[in-house]
Amino acid sequence: MFLYLRDPDGHRVELYTGDYLTVDPEFEPARWHLQDPRRQTLWGQRAPESWFQEGSRVEAFGGGWVEVAG
């Protein structure tokens, strides 16, 4: 299960309760290719364009802020 929210500053925050840890010793990871449209989501719907076009400002190593653009 997952949920995306905006915090008061406008940052997108993901709440996720899924498989961060898989302890099945026989688990075989899936290998995805960049051209495979199924790799963007396991739920079958395309990701919204805003996920690729929007980003939060981040602090630069030398000070100041950097805009993150898609």
C-alpha atoms as a PDB file:
ATOM      1  CA  MET A   1       0.000   0.000   0.000  1.00  0.00           C
ATOM      2  CA  PHE A   2       1.254   3.495  -0.750  1.00  0.00           C
ATOM      3  CA  LEU A   3       0.081   7.077  -0.433  1.00  0.00           C
ATOM      4  CA  TYR A   4       1.575  10.316  -1.758  1.00  0.00           C
ATOM      5  CA  LEU A   5       0.977  13.564   0.118  1.00  0.00           C
ATOM      6  CA  ARG A   6       2.241  17.146  -0.012  1.00  0.00           C
ATOM      7  CA  ASP A   7       3.734  18.544   3.160  1.00  0.00           C
ATOM      8  CA  PRO A   8       3.083  22.193   4.130  1.00  0.00           C
ATOM      9  CA  ASP A   9       6.130  23.302   2.091  1.00  0.00           C
ATOM     10  CA  GLY A  10       4.858  21.526  -1.030  1.00  0.00           C
ATOM     11  CA  HIS A  11       7.256  18.566  -0.959  1.00  0.00           C
ATOM     12  CA  ARG A  12       5.879  15.235  -2.157  1.00  0.00           C
ATOM     13  CA  VAL A  13       6.125  12.606   0.591  1.00  0.00           C
ATOM     14  CA  GLU A  14       5.615   8.872   0.057  1.00  0.00           C
ATOM     15  CA  LEU A  15       4.150   6.642   2.750  1.00  0.00           C
ATOM     16  CA  TYR A  16       4.749   3.005   1.822  1.00  0.00           C
ATOM     17  CA  THR A  17       4.038  -0.204   3.721  1.00  0.00           C
ATOM     18  CA  GLY A  18       5.415  -2.701   1.233  1.00  0.00           C
ATOM     19  CA  ASP A  19       8.313  -5.007   0.669  1.00  0.00           C
ATOM     20  CA  TYR A  20      11.357  -3.087   1.830  1.00  0.00           C
ATOM     21  CA  LEU A  21      12.636  -6.332   3.339  1.00  0.00           C
ATOM     22  CA  THR A  22      12.135  -9.704   1.669  1.00  0.00           C
ATOM     23  CA  VAL A  23      13.370 -12.626   3.742  1.00  0.00           C
ATOM     24  CA  ASP A  24      12.392 -15.446   1.369  1.00  0.00           C
ATOM     25  CA  PRO A  25      15.700 -17.219   0.552  1.00  0.00           C
ATOM     26  CA  GLU A  26      14.258 -18.481  -2.756  1.00  0.00           C
ATOM     27  CA  PHE A  27      13.112 -15.035  -3.913  1.00  0.00           C
ATOM     28  CA  GLU A  28      14.274 -14.212  -7.443  1.00  0.00           C
ATOM     29  CA  PRO A  29      14.324 -10.475  -8.244  1.00  0.00           C
ATOM     30  CA  ALA A  30      12.688  -9.300 -11.469  1.00  0.00           C
ATOM     31  CA  ARG A  31      14.957  -7.734 -14.101  1.00  0.00           C
ATOM     32  CA  TRP A  32      13.345  -4.773 -15.863  1.00  0.00           C
ATOM     33  CA  HIS A  33      14.457  -3.220 -19.138  1.00  0.00           C
ATOM     34  CA  LEU A  34      14.175   0.527 -19.731  1.00  0.00           C
ATOM     35  CA  GLN A  35      11.946  -0.015 -22.769  1.00  0.00           C
ATOM     36  CA  ASP A  36       9.460  -2.192 -20.867  1.00  0.00           C
ATOM     37  CA  PRO A  37       6.410  -0.009 -20.055  1.00  0.00           C
ATOM     38  CA  ARG A  38       5.466  -2.331 -17.175  1.00  0.00           C
ATOM     39  CA  ARG A  39       8.497  -1.215 -15.150  1.00  0.00           C
ATOM     40  CA  GLN A  40       7.023   2.183 -14.244  1.00  0.00           C
ATOM     41  CA  THR A  41       4.469   0.639 -11.921  1.00  0.00           C
ATOM     42  CA  LEU A  42       3.400  -2.813 -10.850  1.00  0.00           C
ATOM     43  CA  TRP A  43      -0.192  -1.574 -10.512  1.00  0.00           C
ATOM     44  CA  GLY A  44      -0.700  -1.084 -14.243  1.00  0.00           C
ATOM     45  CA  GLN A  45      -1.292   2.685 -14.476  1.00  0.00           C
ATOM     46  CA  ARG A  46       1.176   5.191 -15.882  1.00  0.00           C
ATOM     47  CA  ALA A  47       2.860   7.526 -13.432  1.00  0.00           C
ATOM     48  CA  PRO A  48       1.466  11.091 -13.569  1.00  0.00           C
ATOM     49  CA  GLU A  49       3.580  13.520 -15.616  1.00  0.00           C
ATOM     50  CA  SER A  50       3.970  15.684 -12.492  1.00  0.00           C
ATOM     51  CA  TRP A  51       6.192  12.951 -11.008  1.00  0.00           C
ATOM     52  CA  PHE A  52       8.701  13.655 -13.769  1.00  0.00           C
ATOM     53  CA  GLN A  53       8.183  17.416 -14.091  1.00  0.00           C
ATOM     54  CA  GLU A  54       8.114  18.557 -10.450  1.00  0.00           C
ATOM     55  CA  GLY A  55      10.814  18.491  -7.818  1.00  0.00           C
ATOM     56  CA  SER A  56      11.723  20.077  -4.513  1.00  0.00           C
ATOM     57  CA  ARG A  57      14.523  22.570  -4.051  1.00  0.00           C
ATOM     58  CA  VAL A  58      17.635  21.085  -2.466  1.00  0.00           C
ATOM     59  CA  GLU A  59      20.470  22.793  -0.654  1.00  0.00           C
ATOM     60  CA  ALA A  60      23.690  22.970  -2.690  1.00  0.00           C
ATOM     61  CA  PHE A  61      27.000  21.809  -1.205  1.00  0.00           C
ATOM     62  CA  GLY A  62      28.454  25.315  -1.489  1.00  0.00           C
ATOM     63  CA  GLY A  63      25.366  26.973  -0.032  1.00  0.00           C
ATOM     64  CA  GLY A  64      22.268  28.327  -1.667  1.00  0.00           C
ATOM     65  CA  TRP A  65      19.487  26.359  -3.303  1.00  0.00           C
ATOM     66  CA  VAL A  66      19.204  24.304  -6.470  1.00  0.00           C
ATOM     67  CA  GLU A  67      15.925  23.809  -8.329  1.00  0.00           C
ATOM     68  CA  VAL A  68      15.335  20.174  -9.259  1.00  0.00           C
ATOM     69  CA  ALA A  69      13.609  19.916 -12.618  1.00  0.00           C
ATOM     70  CA  GLY A  70      12.453  16.879 -14.572  1.00  0.00           C
END
